[in-house]
Amino acid sequence: MAMLELENVHTYYGNIHALKGLSISVDEGEIVTLIGGNGAGKSTTLRTISALQRPRIGKIVFEGEDVTTAPPPEIVRKGIVHVPEGRRIFGRLSVQENLEMGAFTREDKQEIIESMEHVFQLFPRLEERRKQTGGTLSGGEQQMLAVGRALMAKPRLLLMDEPSMGLAPILVEEIFNIIREINQQGVTILLVEQNAHMALSIANRGYVLETGQIQLAGLATELAASSVVREAYLGGG
């Protein structure tokens, strides 16, 4: 049984039909990536899973439980945590306060302290800047903080939306190494990423979306070798 299943999901923004019968699955322990152009429905898929958008039709099942109508805080409590596009950190709060906000569904103070230490092990720069306000961090540090804040919720499934956006190439490499490490520590990941080459290099499987529908699906190695994918998303024929 898959950890996450979307079954025939249709999501709308008003009259705009953003997802048109989307069916995908993510198995425990995988990195699965969604690739596609702007407006393909990648971010909408993550927003629908995390209950920021409601599907009009279809079903979302997480670890065997129908969570289609669960409210966002309940989704987080169940272990699905979203790192949104654009980071969305709290600019006036310190690094430490941002991380504490990520643990809002948790009560065990000792476990929260241990989670923060784990985040600081992954991101030593955040520990160096723990008293600094989030808005004064560099773009790369803000992305680290957004990921760290999500990890504070103790995710079983991490939804990551464009983690490399706006970052220098050397930082992109660093972020993807950390994504791989988080996965190796037992967190399943559903990754939306414009940098299809990097996404396919760390993913197990992938889906190619166009206008809210799946056009291709398969192992990441198969998609990376596909002439269609190479021409459209990898910059080569």
C-alpha atoms as a PDB file:
ATOM      1  CA  MET A   1       0.000   0.000   0.000  1.00  0.00           C
ATOM      2  CA  ALA A   2       1.286   3.442  -0.940  1.00  0.00           C
ATOM      3  CA  MET A   3       1.941   5.980   1.816  1.00  0.00           C
ATOM      4  CA  LEU A   4       0.092   8.664  -0.181  1.00  0.00           C
ATOM      5  CA  GLU A   5      -2.451   8.253  -2.956  1.00  0.00           C
ATOM      6  CA  LEU A   6      -4.331  10.867  -4.935  1.00  0.00           C
ATOM      7  CA  GLU A   7      -7.264   9.334  -6.783  1.00  0.00           C
ATOM      8  CA  ASN A   8      -8.910  11.250  -9.652  1.00  0.00           C
ATOM      9  CA  VAL A   9      -8.366  14.633  -7.977  1.00  0.00           C
ATOM     10  CA  HIS A  10      -9.964  17.714  -9.535  1.00  0.00           C
ATOM     11  CA  THR A  11      -9.025  21.064  -7.978  1.00  0.00           C
ATOM     12  CA  TYR A  12     -10.335  24.472  -9.029  1.00  0.00           C
ATOM     13  CA  TYR A  13      -9.468  28.117  -8.412  1.00  0.00           C
ATOM     14  CA  GLY A  14     -12.906  29.614  -8.906  1.00  0.00           C
ATOM     15  CA  ASN A  15     -13.807  28.553 -12.452  1.00  0.00           C
ATOM     16  CA  ILE A  16     -10.230  27.626 -13.369  1.00  0.00           C
ATOM     17  CA  HIS A  17      -9.823  23.857 -13.540  1.00  0.00           C
ATOM     18  CA  ALA A  18      -6.261  23.444 -12.197  1.00  0.00           C
ATOM     19  CA  LEU A  19      -6.042  19.665 -11.594  1.00  0.00           C
ATOM     20  CA  LYS A  20      -7.978  17.464 -14.012  1.00  0.00           C
ATOM     21  CA  GLY A  21      -8.335  13.958 -12.642  1.00  0.00           C
ATOM     22  CA  LEU A  22      -4.858  13.671 -11.106  1.00  0.00           C
ATOM     23  CA  SER A  23      -3.876  10.251  -9.757  1.00  0.00           C
ATOM     24  CA  ILE A  24      -0.420   9.804  -8.226  1.00  0.00           C
ATOM     25  CA  SER A  25       1.131   7.682  -5.483  1.00  0.00           C
ATOM     26  CA  VAL A  26       4.149   7.991  -3.190  1.00  0.00           C
ATOM     27  CA  ASP A  27       5.588   4.960  -1.399  1.00  0.00           C
ATOM     28  CA  GLU A  28       7.213   5.171   2.012  1.00  0.00           C
ATOM     29  CA  GLY A  29      10.899   6.056   1.783  1.00  0.00           C
ATOM     30  CA  GLU A  30      10.763   7.426  -1.770  1.00  0.00           C
ATOM     31  CA  ILE A  31      11.653  10.760  -3.273  1.00  0.00           C
ATOM     32  CA  VAL A  32       9.042  11.417  -5.959  1.00  0.00           C
ATOM     33  CA  THR A  33       9.293  14.528  -8.105  1.00  0.00           C
ATOM     34  CA  LEU A  34       6.693  16.463 -10.087  1.00  0.00           C
ATOM     35  CA  ILE A  35       8.096  18.326 -13.073  1.00  0.00           C
ATOM     36  CA  GLY A  36       6.437  20.518 -15.662  1.00  0.00           C
ATOM     37  CA  GLY A  37       6.176  24.074 -16.877  1.00  0.00           C
ATOM     38  CA  ASN A  38       4.558  27.045 -15.173  1.00  0.00           C
ATOM     39  CA  GLY A  39       0.838  26.491 -14.715  1.00  0.00           C
ATOM     40  CA  ALA A  40       1.146  22.713 -14.993  1.00  0.00           C
ATOM     41  CA  GLY A  41      -0.461  22.175 -11.570  1.00  0.00           C
ATOM     42  CA  LYS A  42       2.604  21.167  -9.555  1.00  0.00           C
ATOM     43  CA  SER A  43       2.176  23.642  -6.701  1.00  0.00           C
ATOM     44  CA  THR A  44      -1.590  23.121  -6.753  1.00  0.00           C
ATOM     45  CA  THR A  45      -0.991  19.406  -6.187  1.00  0.00           C
ATOM     46  CA  LEU A  46       1.003  20.132  -3.027  1.00  0.00           C
ATOM     47  CA  ARG A  47      -1.532  22.714  -1.837  1.00  0.00           C
ATOM     48  CA  THR A  48      -4.320  20.194  -2.350  1.00  0.00           C
ATOM     49  CA  ILE A  49      -2.503  17.495  -0.366  1.00  0.00           C
ATOM     50  CA  SER A  50      -1.823  19.896   2.512  1.00  0.00           C
ATOM     51  CA  ALA A  51      -5.489  21.082   2.524  1.00  0.00           C
ATOM     52  CA  LEU A  52      -4.722  24.653   1.471  1.00  0.00           C
ATOM     53  CA  GLN A  53      -6.946  23.943  -1.554  1.00  0.00           C
ATOM     54  CA  ARG A  54      -9.892  21.562  -1.486  1.00  0.00           C
ATOM     55  CA  PRO A  55     -10.522  19.160  -4.358  1.00  0.00           C
ATOM     56  CA  ARG A  56     -14.064  19.282  -5.732  1.00  0.00           C
ATOM     57  CA  ILE A  57     -13.787  15.687  -6.884  1.00  0.00           C
ATOM     58  CA  GLY A  58     -11.469  12.863  -5.898  1.00  0.00           C
ATOM     59  CA  LYS A  59      -9.832  11.405  -2.823  1.00  0.00           C
ATOM     60  CA  ILE A  60      -6.566  11.817  -0.902  1.00  0.00           C
ATOM     61  CA  VAL A  61      -5.460   8.816   1.165  1.00  0.00           C
ATOM     62  CA  PHE A  62      -2.517   8.951   3.597  1.00  0.00           C
ATOM     63  CA  GLU A  63      -1.323   5.747   5.241  1.00  0.00           C
ATOM     64  CA  GLY A  64      -4.652   4.075   4.483  1.00  0.00           C
ATOM     65  CA  GLU A  65      -6.799   6.923   5.863  1.00  0.00           C
ATOM     66  CA  ASP A  66      -8.992   9.235   3.787  1.00  0.00           C
ATOM     67  CA  VAL A  67      -7.741  12.754   4.594  1.00  0.00           C
ATOM     68  CA  THR A  68      -9.555  14.589   1.773  1.00  0.00           C
ATOM     69  CA  THR A  69     -11.572  16.775   4.146  1.00  0.00           C
ATOM     70  CA  ALA A  70      -9.099  17.022   7.058  1.00  0.00           C
ATOM     71  CA  PRO A  71      -8.190  20.626   8.049  1.00  0.00           C
ATOM     72  CA  PRO A  72      -4.576  21.805   7.592  1.00  0.00           C
ATOM     73  CA  PRO A  73      -3.497  21.480  11.269  1.00  0.00           C
ATOM     74  CA  GLU A  74      -4.760  17.894  11.291  1.00  0.00           C
ATOM     75  CA  ILE A  75      -2.817  17.146   8.107  1.00  0.00           C
ATOM     76  CA  VAL A  76       0.345  18.369   9.869  1.00  0.00           C
ATOM     77  CA  ARG A  77      -0.417  16.273  12.959  1.00  0.00           C
ATOM     78  CA  LYS A  78      -0.746  13.206  10.758  1.00  0.00           C
ATOM     79  CA  GLY A  79       2.779  13.833   9.439  1.00  0.00           C
ATOM     80  CA  ILE A  80       2.338  15.707   6.138  1.00  0.00           C
ATOM     81  CA  VAL A  81       4.338  18.957   6.212  1.00  0.00           C
ATOM     82  CA  HIS A  82       4.595  21.529   3.410  1.00  0.00           C
ATOM     83  CA  VAL A  83       7.650  23.689   2.601  1.00  0.00           C
ATOM     84  CA  PRO A  84       5.938  26.334   0.439  1.00  0.00           C
ATOM     85  CA  GLU A  85       7.281  28.087  -2.621  1.00  0.00           C
ATOM     86  CA  GLY A  86       8.889  31.397  -1.693  1.00  0.00           C
ATOM     87  CA  ARG A  87       9.949  30.182   1.796  1.00  0.00           C
ATOM     88  CA  ARG A  88       7.278  32.176   3.714  1.00  0.00           C
ATOM     89  CA  ILE A  89       9.336  32.457   6.870  1.00  0.00           C
ATOM     90  CA  PHE A  90       8.362  34.905   9.633  1.00  0.00           C
ATOM     91  CA  GLY A  91      10.684  37.800   8.795  1.00  0.00           C
ATOM     92  CA  ARG A  92      10.369  39.605  12.144  1.00  0.00           C
ATOM     93  CA  LEU A  93      10.928  36.498  14.262  1.00  0.00           C
ATOM     94  CA  SER A  94      14.353  35.113  15.094  1.00  0.00           C
ATOM     95  CA  VAL A  95      15.648  31.894  13.556  1.00  0.00           C
ATOM     96  CA  GLN A  96      14.933  30.074  16.811  1.00  0.00           C
ATOM     97  CA  GLU A  97      11.396  31.500  17.028  1.00  0.00           C
ATOM     98  CA  ASN A  98      10.714  30.463  13.412  1.00  0.00           C
ATOM     99  CA  LEU A  99      11.795  26.926  14.255  1.00  0.00           C
ATOM    100  CA  GLU A 100       9.640  26.883  17.384  1.00  0.00           C
ATOM    101  CA  MET A 101       6.645  27.897  15.234  1.00  0.00           C
ATOM    102  CA  GLY A 102       7.225  24.761  13.179  1.00  0.00           C
ATOM    103  CA  ALA A 103       6.558  22.647  16.274  1.00  0.00           C
ATOM    104  CA  PHE A 104       3.123  24.169  16.956  1.00  0.00           C
ATOM    105  CA  THR A 105       1.343  20.773  16.843  1.00  0.00           C
ATOM    106  CA  ARG A 106       3.759  19.137  19.302  1.00  0.00           C
ATOM    107  CA  GLU A 107       3.717  19.169  23.098  1.00  0.00           C
ATOM    108  CA  ASP A 108       6.742  17.206  24.349  1.00  0.00           C
ATOM    109  CA  LYS A 109       9.276  19.965  25.134  1.00  0.00           C
ATOM    110  CA  GLN A 110      12.254  17.612  25.329  1.00  0.00           C
ATOM    111  CA  GLU A 111      11.461  16.157  21.894  1.00  0.00           C
ATOM    112  CA  ILE A 112      11.128  19.688  20.493  1.00  0.00           C
ATOM    113  CA  ILE A 113      14.578  20.574  21.866  1.00  0.00           C
ATOM    114  CA  GLU A 114      15.991  17.397  20.293  1.00  0.00           C
ATOM    115  CA  SER A 115      14.380  18.256  16.951  1.00  0.00           C
ATOM    116  CA  MET A 116      15.916  21.727  17.048  1.00  0.00           C
ATOM    117  CA  GLU A 117      19.347  20.232  17.735  1.00  0.00           C
ATOM    118  CA  HIS A 118      18.809  17.931  14.741  1.00  0.00           C
ATOM    119  CA  VAL A 119      17.973  20.945  12.539  1.00  0.00           C
ATOM    120  CA  PHE A 120      21.134  22.705  13.732  1.00  0.00           C
ATOM    121  CA  GLN A 121      23.182  19.611  12.870  1.00  0.00           C
ATOM    122  CA  LEU A 122      21.762  19.678   9.333  1.00  0.00           C
ATOM    123  CA  PHE A 123      22.120  23.469   9.025  1.00  0.00           C
ATOM    124  CA  PRO A 124      25.054  24.727  11.145  1.00  0.00           C
ATOM    125  CA  ARG A 125      24.541  28.223   9.707  1.00  0.00           C
ATOM    126  CA  LEU A 126      21.132  28.407  11.356  1.00  0.00           C
ATOM    127  CA  GLU A 127      22.673  27.674  14.742  1.00  0.00           C
ATOM    128  CA  GLU A 128      25.187  30.482  14.173  1.00  0.00           C
ATOM    129  CA  ARG A 129      22.258  32.812  13.423  1.00  0.00           C
ATOM    130  CA  ARG A 130      19.693  31.477  15.909  1.00  0.00           C
ATOM    131  CA  LYS A 131      19.060  34.944  17.437  1.00  0.00           C
ATOM    132  CA  GLN A 132      19.070  36.764  14.072  1.00  0.00           C
ATOM    133  CA  THR A 133      15.719  37.816  12.578  1.00  0.00           C
ATOM    134  CA  GLY A 134      14.599  35.705   9.632  1.00  0.00           C
ATOM    135  CA  GLY A 135      14.156  38.679   7.308  1.00  0.00           C
ATOM    136  CA  THR A 136      17.868  39.560   7.522  1.00  0.00           C
ATOM    137  CA  LEU A 137      19.057  36.125   6.337  1.00  0.00           C
ATOM    138  CA  SER A 138      20.308  35.494   2.794  1.00  0.00           C
ATOM    139  CA  GLY A 139      18.041  33.684   0.334  1.00  0.00           C
ATOM    140  CA  GLY A 140      19.866  30.414   0.869  1.00  0.00           C
ATOM    141  CA  GLU A 141      19.680  30.741   4.651  1.00  0.00           C
ATOM    142  CA  GLN A 142      15.950  31.516   4.445  1.00  0.00           C
ATOM    143  CA  GLN A 143      15.441  28.338   2.397  1.00  0.00           C
ATOM    144  CA  MET A 144      17.359  26.368   5.043  1.00  0.00           C
ATOM    145  CA  LEU A 145      15.142  27.942   7.702  1.00  0.00           C
ATOM    146  CA  ALA A 146      11.973  27.035   5.790  1.00  0.00           C
ATOM    147  CA  VAL A 147      13.117  23.402   5.551  1.00  0.00           C
ATOM    148  CA  GLY A 148      14.251  23.396   9.184  1.00  0.00           C
ATOM    149  CA  ARG A 149      10.900  24.796  10.333  1.00  0.00           C
ATOM    150  CA  ALA A 150       9.116  21.992   8.462  1.00  0.00           C
ATOM    151  CA  LEU A 151      11.358  19.375  10.081  1.00  0.00           C
ATOM    152  CA  MET A 152      10.346  20.712  13.505  1.00  0.00           C
ATOM    153  CA  ALA A 153       6.861  19.294  12.838  1.00  0.00           C
ATOM    154  CA  LYS A 154       8.407  15.802  12.659  1.00  0.00           C
ATOM    155  CA  PRO A 155       7.155  14.983   9.142  1.00  0.00           C
ATOM    156  CA  ARG A 156       6.673  11.520   7.751  1.00  0.00           C
ATOM    157  CA  LEU A 157       5.978  13.027   4.315  1.00  0.00           C
ATOM    158  CA  LEU A 158       7.649  16.299   3.327  1.00  0.00           C
ATOM    159  CA  LEU A 159       6.107  18.332   0.489  1.00  0.00           C
ATOM    160  CA  MET A 160       8.775  20.612  -1.006  1.00  0.00           C
ATOM    161  CA  ASP A 161       7.821  23.356  -3.471  1.00  0.00           C
ATOM    162  CA  GLU A 162      10.673  24.812  -5.558  1.00  0.00           C
ATOM    163  CA  PRO A 163      13.445  24.586  -2.913  1.00  0.00           C
ATOM    164  CA  SER A 164      16.130  25.811  -5.356  1.00  0.00           C
ATOM    165  CA  MET A 165      14.247  28.871  -6.629  1.00  0.00           C
ATOM    166  CA  GLY A 166      16.403  31.999  -6.672  1.00  0.00           C
ATOM    167  CA  LEU A 167      19.490  30.301  -5.246  1.00  0.00           C
ATOM    168  CA  ALA A 168      23.041  30.441  -6.565  1.00  0.00           C
ATOM    169  CA  PRO A 169      24.218  27.172  -8.191  1.00  0.00           C
ATOM    170  CA  ILE A 170      26.513  26.268  -5.278  1.00  0.00           C
ATOM    171  CA  LEU A 171      23.599  26.618  -2.839  1.00  0.00           C
ATOM    172  CA  VAL A 172      21.320  24.561  -5.091  1.00  0.00           C
ATOM    173  CA  GLU A 173      23.807  21.716  -4.804  1.00  0.00           C
ATOM    174  CA  GLU A 174      23.876  22.106  -1.019  1.00  0.00           C
ATOM    175  CA  ILE A 175      20.080  22.142  -0.689  1.00  0.00           C
ATOM    176  CA  PHE A 176      19.726  19.008  -2.820  1.00  0.00           C
ATOM    177  CA  ASN A 177      22.378  17.208  -0.776  1.00  0.00           C
ATOM    178  CA  ILE A 178      20.372  18.061   2.343  1.00  0.00           C
ATOM    179  CA  ILE A 179      17.131  16.841   0.727  1.00  0.00           C
ATOM    180  CA  ARG A 180      18.869  13.535   0.008  1.00  0.00           C
ATOM    181  CA  GLU A 181      20.128  13.350   3.595  1.00  0.00           C
ATOM    182  CA  ILE A 182      16.667  14.070   5.045  1.00  0.00           C
ATOM    183  CA  ASN A 183      15.283  11.251   2.911  1.00  0.00           C
ATOM    184  CA  GLN A 184      18.027   8.869   4.067  1.00  0.00           C
ATOM    185  CA  GLN A 185      17.025   9.670   7.655  1.00  0.00           C
ATOM    186  CA  GLY A 186      13.570   8.214   6.977  1.00  0.00           C
ATOM    187  CA  VAL A 187      11.449  11.076   5.624  1.00  0.00           C
ATOM    188  CA  THR A 188       9.485  10.443   2.420  1.00  0.00           C
ATOM    189  CA  ILE A 189       9.577  13.414   0.020  1.00  0.00           C
ATOM    190  CA  LEU A 190       7.301  14.728  -2.722  1.00  0.00           C
ATOM    191  CA  LEU A 191       9.334  17.348  -4.569  1.00  0.00           C
ATOM    192  CA  VAL A 192       8.191  20.064  -6.972  1.00  0.00           C
ATOM    193  CA  GLU A 193      11.171  21.578  -8.751  1.00  0.00           C
ATOM    194  CA  GLN A 194      11.779  23.672 -11.864  1.00  0.00           C
ATOM    195  CA  ASN A 195      15.345  22.356 -12.034  1.00  0.00           C
ATOM    196  CA  ALA A 196      14.283  19.053 -13.572  1.00  0.00           C
ATOM    197  CA  HIS A 197      17.853  17.825 -13.978  1.00  0.00           C
ATOM    198  CA  MET A 198      18.584  18.133 -10.242  1.00  0.00           C
ATOM    199  CA  ALA A 199      15.193  16.774  -9.237  1.00  0.00           C
ATOM    200  CA  LEU A 200      15.530  13.651 -11.391  1.00  0.00           C
ATOM    201  CA  SER A 201      19.091  13.125 -10.168  1.00  0.00           C
ATOM    202  CA  ILE A 202      17.905  12.509  -6.584  1.00  0.00           C
ATOM    203  CA  ALA A 203      14.381  11.110  -7.143  1.00  0.00           C
ATOM    204  CA  ASN A 204      13.272   7.494  -7.333  1.00  0.00           C
ATOM    205  CA  ARG A 205      10.286   8.224  -9.561  1.00  0.00           C
ATOM    206  CA  GLY A 206       8.680  11.172 -11.251  1.00  0.00           C
ATOM    207  CA  TYR A 207       5.554  12.505 -12.905  1.00  0.00           C
ATOM    208  CA  VAL A 208       5.481  15.036 -15.740  1.00  0.00           C
ATOM    209  CA  LEU A 209       2.475  17.356 -15.478  1.00  0.00           C
ATOM    210  CA  GLU A 210       0.934  19.504 -18.190  1.00  0.00           C
ATOM    211  CA  THR A 211      -2.164  21.637 -17.607  1.00  0.00           C
ATOM    212  CA  GLY A 212      -3.250  19.641 -14.562  1.00  0.00           C
ATOM    213  CA  GLN A 213      -2.818  16.187 -16.074  1.00  0.00           C
ATOM    214  CA  ILE A 214      -0.066  13.571 -16.055  1.00  0.00           C
ATOM    215  CA  GLN A 215       1.669  13.269 -19.408  1.00  0.00           C
ATOM    216  CA  LEU A 216       4.449  10.870 -18.383  1.00  0.00           C
ATOM    217  CA  ALA A 217       5.308   8.800 -15.315  1.00  0.00           C
ATOM    218  CA  GLY A 218       8.126   6.431 -14.492  1.00  0.00           C
ATOM    219  CA  LEU A 219      11.440   5.864 -12.811  1.00  0.00           C
ATOM    220  CA  ALA A 220      13.536   9.030 -12.573  1.00  0.00           C
ATOM    221  CA  THR A 221      16.242   7.413 -14.713  1.00  0.00           C
ATOM    222  CA  GLU A 222      13.668   6.612 -17.417  1.00  0.00           C
ATOM    223  CA  LEU A 223      12.302  10.161 -17.418  1.00  0.00           C
ATOM    224  CA  ALA A 224      15.811  11.652 -17.544  1.00  0.00           C
ATOM    225  CA  ALA A 225      16.525   9.494 -20.613  1.00  0.00           C
ATOM    226  CA  SER A 226      13.230  10.363 -22.345  1.00  0.00           C
ATOM    227  CA  SER A 227      13.677  12.506 -25.451  1.00  0.00           C
ATOM    228  CA  VAL A 228      10.403  14.290 -24.647  1.00  0.00           C
ATOM    229  CA  VAL A 229      11.580  15.230 -21.149  1.00  0.00           C
ATOM    230  CA  ARG A 230      15.074  16.143 -22.320  1.00  0.00           C
ATOM    231  CA  GLU A 231      13.771  18.435 -25.022  1.00  0.00           C
ATOM    232  CA  ALA A 232      11.126  20.127 -22.852  1.00  0.00           C
ATOM    233  CA  TYR A 233      12.788  20.329 -19.441  1.00  0.00           C
ATOM    234  CA  LEU A 234      16.463  19.374 -19.575  1.00  0.00           C
ATOM    235  CA  GLY A 235      17.629  21.698 -22.321  1.00  0.00           C
ATOM    236  CA  GLY A 236      18.601  19.085 -24.877  1.00  0.00           C
ATOM    237  CA  GLY A 237      17.266  16.863 -27.648  1.00  0.00           C
END
